[in-house]
Amino acid sequence: MPDDHGMLFLFDHSHRAVMWMMNTYLPLDMLFIDQDGVVRSIAKDTVPMTRTRINSGVPVLAVLELNAGLSDALGIKPGDQIVHQFFGQN
């Protein structure tokens, strides 16, 4: 996946999200984002092709998947703000 791409999973309500990597062929960083667009936690370098449960730990409204290592390369950390129309920002 190109480094300027990702996959954004949007949920219809906040909840403790659980993801897994079955049928995913490359390691990812998963950013768990709350209703205000704040990164609450990051699962780094997830293991491809596994059913290991990856839990957000807190209620979130979205998950952004990026190539593994990209969150560190970009300096993204919990508490950072994601700007996207889904989170009600202009």
PDB file of N, CA and C in Angstrom:
ATOM      1  N   MET A   1       0.852  -1.168   0.000  1.00  0.00           N
ATOM      2  CA  MET A   1       0.000   0.000   0.000  1.00  0.00           C
ATOM      3  C   MET A   1       0.906   1.242   0.000  1.00  0.00           C
ATOM      4  N   PRO A   2       0.634   2.210  -0.828  1.00  0.00           N
ATOM      5  CA  PRO A   2       1.449   3.428  -0.814  1.00  0.00           C
ATOM      6  C   PRO A   2       1.352   4.139   0.543  1.00  0.00           C
ATOM      7  N   ASP A   3       2.421   4.803   0.938  1.00  0.00           N
ATOM      8  CA  ASP A   3       2.433   5.475   2.244  1.00  0.00           C
ATOM      9  C   ASP A   3       1.435   6.617   2.344  1.00  0.00           C
ATOM     10  N   ASP A   4       0.948   7.119   1.220  1.00  0.00           N
ATOM     11  CA  ASP A   4      -0.047   8.196   1.300  1.00  0.00           C
ATOM     12  C   ASP A   4      -1.480   7.654   1.194  1.00  0.00           C
ATOM     13  N   HIS A   5      -1.642   6.354   1.455  1.00  0.00           N
ATOM     14  CA  HIS A   5      -2.953   5.713   1.474  1.00  0.00           C
ATOM     15  C   HIS A   5      -3.183   5.074   2.840  1.00  0.00           C
ATOM     16  N   GLY A   6      -4.423   4.763   3.111  1.00  0.00           N
ATOM     17  CA  GLY A   6      -4.798   4.060   4.324  1.00  0.00           C
ATOM     18  C   GLY A   6      -6.239   3.611   4.187  1.00  0.00           C
ATOM     19  N   MET A   7      -6.756   3.016   5.247  1.00  0.00           N
ATOM     20  CA  MET A   7      -8.148   2.605   5.250  1.00  0.00           C
ATOM     21  C   MET A   7      -8.783   3.122   6.535  1.00  0.00           C
ATOM     22  N   LEU A   8      -9.893   3.850   6.382  1.00  0.00           N
ATOM     23  CA  LEU A   8     -10.596   4.430   7.518  1.00  0.00           C
ATOM     24  C   LEU A   8     -11.900   3.674   7.727  1.00  0.00           C
ATOM     25  N   PHE A   9     -12.025   3.038   8.889  1.00  0.00           N
ATOM     26  CA  PHE A   9     -13.245   2.337   9.275  1.00  0.00           C
ATOM     27  C   PHE A   9     -14.061   3.279  10.148  1.00  0.00           C
ATOM     28  N   LEU A  10     -15.278   3.596   9.727  1.00  0.00           N
ATOM     29  CA  LEU A  10     -16.156   4.502  10.456  1.00  0.00           C
ATOM     30  C   LEU A  10     -17.313   3.700  11.036  1.00  0.00           C
ATOM     31  N   PHE A  11     -17.577   3.889  12.315  1.00  0.00           N
ATOM     32  CA  PHE A  11     -18.648   3.156  12.995  1.00  0.00           C
ATOM     33  C   PHE A  11     -19.834   4.082  13.242  1.00  0.00           C
ATOM     34  N   ASP A  12     -21.004   3.507  13.430  1.00  0.00           N
ATOM     35  CA  ASP A  12     -22.192   4.334  13.644  1.00  0.00           C
ATOM     36  C   ASP A  12     -22.383   4.744  15.105  1.00  0.00           C
ATOM     37  N   HIS A  13     -21.589   4.193  15.999  1.00  0.00           N
ATOM     38  CA  HIS A  13     -21.617   4.604  17.409  1.00  0.00           C
ATOM     39  C   HIS A  13     -20.267   4.255  18.049  1.00  0.00           C
ATOM     40  N   SER A  14     -19.936   4.961  19.125  1.00  0.00           N
ATOM     41  CA  SER A  14     -18.687   4.684  19.839  1.00  0.00           C
ATOM     42  C   SER A  14     -18.799   3.365  20.584  1.00  0.00           C
ATOM     43  N   HIS A  15     -17.735   2.589  20.530  1.00  0.00           N
ATOM     44  CA  HIS A  15     -17.670   1.321  21.254  1.00  0.00           C
ATOM     45  C   HIS A  15     -16.208   0.878  21.326  1.00  0.00           C
ATOM     46  N   ARG A  16     -15.944  -0.112  22.152  1.00  0.00           N
ATOM     47  CA  ARG A  16     -14.600  -0.694  22.190  1.00  0.00           C
ATOM     48  C   ARG A  16     -14.435  -1.542  20.939  1.00  0.00           C
ATOM     49  N   ALA A  17     -13.684  -1.033  20.008  1.00  0.00           N
ATOM     50  CA  ALA A  17     -13.503  -1.715  18.730  1.00  0.00           C
ATOM     51  C   ALA A  17     -12.513  -2.863  18.878  1.00  0.00           C
ATOM     52  N   VAL A  18     -12.794  -3.941  18.178  1.00  0.00           N
ATOM     53  CA  VAL A  18     -11.896  -5.091  18.118  1.00  0.00           C
ATOM     54  C   VAL A  18     -11.649  -5.396  16.643  1.00  0.00           C
ATOM     55  N   MET A  19     -10.380  -5.402  16.274  1.00  0.00           N
ATOM     56  CA  MET A  19      -9.986  -5.669  14.894  1.00  0.00           C
ATOM     57  C   MET A  19      -9.146  -6.946  14.884  1.00  0.00           C
ATOM     58  N   TRP A  20      -8.908  -7.478  13.685  1.00  0.00           N
ATOM     59  CA  TRP A  20      -7.975  -8.576  13.510  1.00  0.00           C
ATOM     60  C   TRP A  20      -7.361  -8.467  12.135  1.00  0.00           C
ATOM     61  N   MET A  21      -6.380  -9.304  11.856  1.00  0.00           N
ATOM     62  CA  MET A  21      -5.595  -9.183  10.630  1.00  0.00           C
ATOM     63  C   MET A  21      -5.793 -10.356   9.664  1.00  0.00           C
ATOM     64  N   MET A  22      -6.797 -11.181   9.896  1.00  0.00           N
ATOM     65  CA  MET A  22      -7.056 -12.303   8.997  1.00  0.00           C
ATOM     66  C   MET A  22      -7.269 -11.775   7.588  1.00  0.00           C
ATOM     67  N   ASN A  23      -6.656 -12.406   6.605  1.00  0.00           N
ATOM     68  CA  ASN A  23      -6.737 -12.012   5.194  1.00  0.00           C
ATOM     69  C   ASN A  23      -6.098 -10.659   4.897  1.00  0.00           C
ATOM     70  N   THR A  24      -5.262 -10.178   5.791  1.00  0.00           N
ATOM     71  CA  THR A  24      -4.498  -8.945   5.566  1.00  0.00           C
ATOM     72  C   THR A  24      -3.042  -9.350   5.422  1.00  0.00           C
ATOM     73  N   TYR A  25      -2.437  -8.985   4.300  1.00  0.00           N
ATOM     74  CA  TYR A  25      -1.130  -9.511   3.936  1.00  0.00           C
ATOM     75  C   TYR A  25       0.053  -8.625   4.320  1.00  0.00           C
ATOM     76  N   LEU A  26      -0.208  -7.451   4.866  1.00  0.00           N
ATOM     77  CA  LEU A  26       0.900  -6.577   5.247  1.00  0.00           C
ATOM     78  C   LEU A  26       0.687  -6.071   6.658  1.00  0.00           C
ATOM     79  N   PRO A  27       1.765  -5.849   7.416  1.00  0.00           N
ATOM     80  CA  PRO A  27       1.628  -5.331   8.777  1.00  0.00           C
ATOM     81  C   PRO A  27       1.107  -3.896   8.740  1.00  0.00           C
ATOM     82  N   LEU A  28       0.303  -3.565   9.726  1.00  0.00           N
ATOM     83  CA  LEU A  28      -0.331  -2.250   9.775  1.00  0.00           C
ATOM     84  C   LEU A  28      -0.138  -1.598  11.142  1.00  0.00           C
ATOM     85  N   ASP A  29      -0.281  -0.276  11.173  1.00  0.00           N
ATOM     86  CA  ASP A  29      -0.513   0.478  12.406  1.00  0.00           C
ATOM     87  C   ASP A  29      -2.003   0.800  12.415  1.00  0.00           C
ATOM     88  N   MET A  30      -2.658   0.583  13.547  1.00  0.00           N
ATOM     89  CA  MET A  30      -4.081   0.895  13.673  1.00  0.00           C
ATOM     90  C   MET A  30      -4.245   2.032  14.667  1.00  0.00           C
ATOM     91  N   LEU A  31      -4.807   3.138  14.193  1.00  0.00           N
ATOM     92  CA  LEU A  31      -5.071   4.297  15.039  1.00  0.00           C
ATOM     93  C   LEU A  31      -6.530   4.250  15.452  1.00  0.00           C
ATOM     94  N   PHE A  32      -6.791   4.196  16.745  1.00  0.00           N
ATOM     95  CA  PHE A  32      -8.148   4.159  17.280  1.00  0.00           C
ATOM     96  C   PHE A  32      -8.547   5.583  17.651  1.00  0.00           C
ATOM     97  N   ILE A  33      -9.627   6.075  17.051  1.00  0.00           N
ATOM     98  CA  ILE A  33      -9.988   7.490  17.094  1.00  0.00           C
ATOM     99  C   ILE A  33     -11.366   7.671  17.721  1.00  0.00           C
ATOM    100  N   ASP A  34     -11.474   8.617  18.669  1.00  0.00           N
ATOM    101  CA  ASP A  34     -12.759   8.837  19.346  1.00  0.00           C
ATOM    102  C   ASP A  34     -13.660   9.783  18.544  1.00  0.00           C
ATOM    103  N   GLN A  35     -14.833  10.071  19.095  1.00  0.00           N
ATOM    104  CA  GLN A  35     -15.839  10.872  18.389  1.00  0.00           C
ATOM    105  C   GLN A  35     -15.397  12.308  18.117  1.00  0.00           C
ATOM    106  N   ASP A  36     -14.391  12.786  18.837  1.00  0.00           N
ATOM    107  CA  ASP A  36     -13.877  14.136  18.625  1.00  0.00           C
ATOM    108  C   ASP A  36     -12.695  14.161  17.666  1.00  0.00           C
ATOM    109  N   GLY A  37     -12.314  12.999  17.131  1.00  0.00           N
ATOM    110  CA  GLY A  37     -11.182  12.924  16.216  1.00  0.00           C
ATOM    111  C   GLY A  37      -9.848  12.807  16.920  1.00  0.00           C
ATOM    112  N   VAL A  38      -9.857  12.473  18.205  1.00  0.00           N
ATOM    113  CA  VAL A  38      -8.620  12.342  18.974  1.00  0.00           C
ATOM    114  C   VAL A  38      -8.136  10.896  18.932  1.00  0.00           C
ATOM    115  N   VAL A  39      -6.871  10.714  18.606  1.00  0.00           N
ATOM    116  CA  VAL A  39      -6.263   9.381  18.624  1.00  0.00           C
ATOM    117  C   VAL A  39      -6.177   8.939  20.079  1.00  0.00           C
ATOM    118  N   ARG A  40      -6.864   7.876  20.417  1.00  0.00           N
ATOM    119  CA  ARG A  40      -6.884   7.379  21.799  1.00  0.00           C
ATOM    120  C   ARG A  40      -5.834   6.312  22.045  1.00  0.00           C
ATOM    121  N   SER A  41      -5.556   5.479  21.041  1.00  0.00           N
ATOM    122  CA  SER A  41      -4.521   4.457  21.170  1.00  0.00           C
ATOM    123  C   SER A  41      -4.053   4.050  19.779  1.00  0.00           C
ATOM    124  N   ILE A  42      -2.877   3.412  19.746  1.00  0.00           N
ATOM    125  CA  ILE A  42      -2.314   2.948  18.478  1.00  0.00           C
ATOM    126  C   ILE A  42      -1.795   1.533  18.681  1.00  0.00           C
ATOM    127  N   ALA A  43      -2.226   0.622  17.813  1.00  0.00           N
ATOM    128  CA  ALA A  43      -1.656  -0.728  17.766  1.00  0.00           C
ATOM    129  C   ALA A  43      -0.636  -0.701  16.639  1.00  0.00           C
ATOM    130  N   LYS A  44       0.628  -0.857  16.983  1.00  0.00           N
ATOM    131  CA  LYS A  44       1.704  -0.724  15.996  1.00  0.00           C
ATOM    132  C   LYS A  44       2.166  -2.085  15.486  1.00  0.00           C
ATOM    133  N   ASP A  45       2.497  -2.112  14.195  1.00  0.00           N
ATOM    134  CA  ASP A  45       3.119  -3.269  13.554  1.00  0.00           C
ATOM    135  C   ASP A  45       2.338  -4.557  13.819  1.00  0.00           C
ATOM    136  N   THR A  46       1.054  -4.532  13.509  1.00  0.00           N
ATOM    137  CA  THR A  46       0.212  -5.701  13.729  1.00  0.00           C
ATOM    138  C   THR A  46       0.656  -6.855  12.821  1.00  0.00           C
ATOM    139  N   VAL A  47       0.402  -8.060  13.256  1.00  0.00           N
ATOM    140  CA  VAL A  47       0.904  -9.258  12.578  1.00  0.00           C
ATOM    141  C   VAL A  47      -0.086  -9.717  11.505  1.00  0.00           C
ATOM    142  N   PRO A  48       0.361  -9.776  10.246  1.00  0.00           N
ATOM    143  CA  PRO A  48      -0.522 -10.201   9.155  1.00  0.00           C
ATOM    144  C   PRO A  48      -1.028 -11.636   9.326  1.00  0.00           C
ATOM    145  N   MET A  49      -2.216 -11.873   8.741  1.00  0.00           N
ATOM    146  CA  MET A  49      -2.794 -13.213   8.605  1.00  0.00           C
ATOM    147  C   MET A  49      -3.048 -13.906   9.943  1.00  0.00           C
ATOM    148  N   THR A  50      -3.385 -13.134  10.974  1.00  0.00           N
ATOM    149  CA  THR A  50      -3.675 -13.716  12.280  1.00  0.00           C
ATOM    150  C   THR A  50      -5.079 -13.329  12.733  1.00  0.00           C
ATOM    151  N   ARG A  51      -5.583 -14.090  13.667  1.00  0.00           N
ATOM    152  CA  ARG A  51      -6.880 -13.790  14.285  1.00  0.00           C
ATOM    153  C   ARG A  51      -6.711 -13.189  15.679  1.00  0.00           C
ATOM    154  N   THR A  52      -5.511 -12.758  15.982  1.00  0.00           N
ATOM    155  CA  THR A  52      -5.281 -12.111  17.262  1.00  0.00           C
ATOM    156  C   THR A  52      -6.175 -10.876  17.364  1.00  0.00           C
ATOM    157  N   ARG A  53      -6.871 -10.756  18.478  1.00  0.00           N
ATOM    158  CA  ARG A  53      -7.791  -9.636  18.665  1.00  0.00           C
ATOM    159  C   ARG A  53      -7.001  -8.386  19.059  1.00  0.00           C
ATOM    160  N   ILE A  54      -7.257  -7.309  18.343  1.00  0.00           N
ATOM    161  CA  ILE A  54      -6.594  -6.028  18.591  1.00  0.00           C
ATOM    162  C   ILE A  54      -7.674  -5.092  19.109  1.00  0.00           C
ATOM    163  N   ASN A  55      -7.615  -4.759  20.398  1.00  0.00           N
ATOM    164  CA  ASN A  55      -8.671  -4.035  21.091  1.00  0.00           C
ATOM    165  C   ASN A  55      -8.293  -2.574  21.246  1.00  0.00           C
ATOM    166  N   SER A  56      -9.257  -1.687  21.014  1.00  0.00           N
ATOM    167  CA  SER A  56      -9.015  -0.247  21.165  1.00  0.00           C
ATOM    168  C   SER A  56      -8.772   0.144  22.616  1.00  0.00           C
ATOM    169  N   GLY A  57      -9.298  -0.626  23.559  1.00  0.00           N
ATOM    170  CA  GLY A  57      -9.107  -0.332  24.982  1.00  0.00           C
ATOM    171  C   GLY A  57     -10.074   0.692  25.533  1.00  0.00           C
ATOM    172  N   VAL A  58     -10.591   1.563  24.686  1.00  0.00           N
ATOM    173  CA  VAL A  58     -11.560   2.592  25.068  1.00  0.00           C
ATOM    174  C   VAL A  58     -12.576   2.726  23.937  1.00  0.00           C
ATOM    175  N   PRO A  59     -13.730   3.320  24.212  1.00  0.00           N
ATOM    176  CA  PRO A  59     -14.692   3.520  23.129  1.00  0.00           C
ATOM    177  C   PRO A  59     -14.134   4.445  22.042  1.00  0.00           C
ATOM    178  N   VAL A  60     -14.299   4.027  20.790  1.00  0.00           N
ATOM    179  CA  VAL A  60     -13.850   4.822  19.636  1.00  0.00           C
ATOM    180  C   VAL A  60     -14.946   4.826  18.578  1.00  0.00           C
ATOM    181  N   LEU A  61     -14.829   5.775  17.656  1.00  0.00           N
ATOM    182  CA  LEU A  61     -15.793   5.901  16.574  1.00  0.00           C
ATOM    183  C   LEU A  61     -15.190   5.518  15.231  1.00  0.00           C
ATOM    184  N   ALA A  62     -13.845   5.356  15.194  1.00  0.00           N
ATOM    185  CA  ALA A  62     -13.194   5.045  13.927  1.00  0.00           C
ATOM    186  C   ALA A  62     -11.843   4.381  14.171  1.00  0.00           C
ATOM    187  N   VAL A  63     -11.380   3.681  13.136  1.00  0.00           N
ATOM    188  CA  VAL A  63     -10.040   3.102  13.131  1.00  0.00           C
ATOM    189  C   VAL A  63      -9.402   3.468  11.792  1.00  0.00           C
ATOM    190  N   LEU A  64      -8.200   4.013  11.851  1.00  0.00           N
ATOM    191  CA  LEU A  64      -7.439   4.327  10.653  1.00  0.00           C
ATOM    192  C   LEU A  64      -6.273   3.360  10.564  1.00  0.00           C
ATOM    193  N   GLU A  65      -6.220   2.605   9.462  1.00  0.00           N
ATOM    194  CA  GLU A  65      -5.123   1.665   9.241  1.00  0.00           C
ATOM    195  C   GLU A  65      -4.115   2.283   8.282  1.00  0.00           C
ATOM    196  N   LEU A  66      -2.850   2.248   8.690  1.00  0.00           N
ATOM    197  CA  LEU A  66      -1.727   2.758   7.900  1.00  0.00           C
ATOM    198  C   LEU A  66      -0.673   1.667   7.796  1.00  0.00           C
ATOM    199  N   ASN A  67       0.244   1.807   6.859  1.00  0.00           N
ATOM    200  CA  ASN A  67       1.372   0.882   6.802  1.00  0.00           C
ATOM    201  C   ASN A  67       2.100   0.873   8.139  1.00  0.00           C
ATOM    202  N   ALA A  68       2.564  -0.302   8.545  1.00  0.00           N
ATOM    203  CA  ALA A  68       3.315  -0.426   9.798  1.00  0.00           C
ATOM    204  C   ALA A  68       4.516   0.514   9.775  1.00  0.00           C
ATOM    205  N   GLY A  69       4.714   1.212  10.881  1.00  0.00           N
ATOM    206  CA  GLY A  69       5.838   2.129  11.017  1.00  0.00           C
ATOM    207  C   GLY A  69       5.524   3.551  10.603  1.00  0.00           C
ATOM    208  N   LEU A  70       4.433   3.744   9.889  1.00  0.00           N
ATOM    209  CA  LEU A  70       4.112   5.083   9.399  1.00  0.00           C
ATOM    210  C   LEU A  70       3.686   6.022  10.522  1.00  0.00           C
ATOM    211  N   SER A  71       3.012   5.504  11.545  1.00  0.00           N
ATOM    212  CA  SER A  71       2.622   6.389  12.656  1.00  0.00           C
ATOM    213  C   SER A  71       3.861   6.943  13.352  1.00  0.00           C
ATOM    214  N   ASP A  72       4.898   6.122  13.544  1.00  0.00           N
ATOM    215  CA  ASP A  72       6.148   6.622  14.129  1.00  0.00           C
ATOM    216  C   ASP A  72       6.855   7.586  13.174  1.00  0.00           C
ATOM    217  N   ALA A  73       6.894   7.239  11.892  1.00  0.00           N
ATOM    218  CA  ALA A  73       7.575   8.087  10.909  1.00  0.00           C
ATOM    219  C   ALA A  73       6.938   9.470  10.829  1.00  0.00           C
ATOM    220  N   LEU A  74       5.618   9.524  11.010  1.00  0.00           N
ATOM    221  CA  LEU A  74       4.898  10.799  10.961  1.00  0.00           C
ATOM    222  C   LEU A  74       4.781  11.463  12.334  1.00  0.00           C
ATOM    223  N   GLY A  75       5.239  10.769  13.373  1.00  0.00           N
ATOM    224  CA  GLY A  75       5.174  11.326  14.727  1.00  0.00           C
ATOM    225  C   GLY A  75       3.776  11.337  15.327  1.00  0.00           C
ATOM    226  N   ILE A  76       2.901  10.445  14.851  1.00  0.00           N
ATOM    227  CA  ILE A  76       1.530  10.378  15.368  1.00  0.00           C
ATOM    228  C   ILE A  76       1.549   9.656  16.707  1.00  0.00           C
ATOM    229  N   LYS A  77       0.829  10.216  17.688  1.00  0.00           N
ATOM    230  CA  LYS A  77       0.779   9.622  19.024  1.00  0.00           C
ATOM    231  C   LYS A  77      -0.609   9.819  19.627  1.00  0.00           C
ATOM    232  N   PRO A  78      -0.948   9.035  20.646  1.00  0.00           N
ATOM    233  CA  PRO A  78      -2.227   9.241  21.323  1.00  0.00           C
ATOM    234  C   PRO A  78      -2.340  10.692  21.807  1.00  0.00           C
ATOM    235  N   GLY A  79      -3.524  11.250  21.622  1.00  0.00           N
ATOM    236  CA  GLY A  79      -3.776  12.640  21.972  1.00  0.00           C
ATOM    237  C   GLY A  79      -3.759  13.562  20.762  1.00  0.00           C
ATOM    238  N   ASP A  80      -3.190  13.095  19.649  1.00  0.00           N
ATOM    239  CA  ASP A  80      -3.172  13.894  18.425  1.00  0.00           C
ATOM    240  C   ASP A  80      -4.583  13.983  17.844  1.00  0.00           C
ATOM    241  N   GLN A  81      -4.830  15.057  17.111  1.00  0.00           N
ATOM    242  CA  GLN A  81      -6.136  15.324  16.511  1.00  0.00           C
ATOM    243  C   GLN A  81      -6.137  14.926  15.041  1.00  0.00           C
ATOM    244  N   ILE A  82      -7.160  14.161  14.634  1.00  0.00           N
ATOM    245  CA  ILE A  82      -7.375  13.809  13.238  1.00  0.00           C
ATOM    246  C   ILE A  82      -8.443  14.753  12.686  1.00  0.00           C
ATOM    247  N   VAL A  83      -8.161  15.409  11.583  1.00  0.00           N
ATOM    248  CA  VAL A  83      -9.122  16.313  10.969  1.00  0.00           C
ATOM    249  C   VAL A  83      -9.776  15.593   9.794  1.00  0.00           C
ATOM    250  N   HIS A  84     -11.094  15.418   9.897  1.00  0.00           N
ATOM    251  CA  HIS A  84     -11.880  14.742   8.862  1.00  0.00           C
ATOM    252  C   HIS A  84     -13.332  15.149   9.072  1.00  0.00           C
ATOM    253  N   GLN A  85     -14.080  15.300   8.002  1.00  0.00           N
ATOM    254  CA  GLN A  85     -15.475  15.724   8.108  1.00  0.00           C
ATOM    255  C   GLN A  85     -16.334  14.800   8.968  1.00  0.00           C
ATOM    256  N   PHE A  86     -15.970  13.536   9.079  1.00  0.00           N
ATOM    257  CA  PHE A  86     -16.726  12.584   9.887  1.00  0.00           C
ATOM    258  C   PHE A  86     -16.745  12.988  11.348  1.00  0.00           C
ATOM    259  N   PHE A  87     -15.712  13.665  11.815  1.00  0.00           N
ATOM    260  CA  PHE A  87     -15.609  14.049  13.221  1.00  0.00           C
ATOM    261  C   PHE A  87     -16.195  15.437  13.494  1.00  0.00           C
ATOM    262  N   GLY A  88     -16.917  15.992  12.531  1.00  0.00           N
ATOM    263  CA  GLY A  88     -17.636  17.248  12.741  1.00  0.00           C
ATOM    264  C   GLY A  88     -16.758  18.486  12.679  1.00  0.00           C
ATOM    265  N   GLN A  89     -15.571  18.368  12.138  1.00  0.00           N
ATOM    266  CA  GLN A  89     -14.682  19.518  12.022  1.00  0.00           C
ATOM    267  C   GLN A  89     -14.828  20.119  10.629  1.00  0.00           C
ATOM    268  N   ASN A  90     -14.555  21.396  10.512  1.00  0.00           N
ATOM    269  CA  ASN A  90     -14.615  22.056   9.200  1.00  0.00           C
ATOM    270  C   ASN A  90     -13.249  22.402   8.714  1.00  0.00           C
TER     271      ASN A  90
END
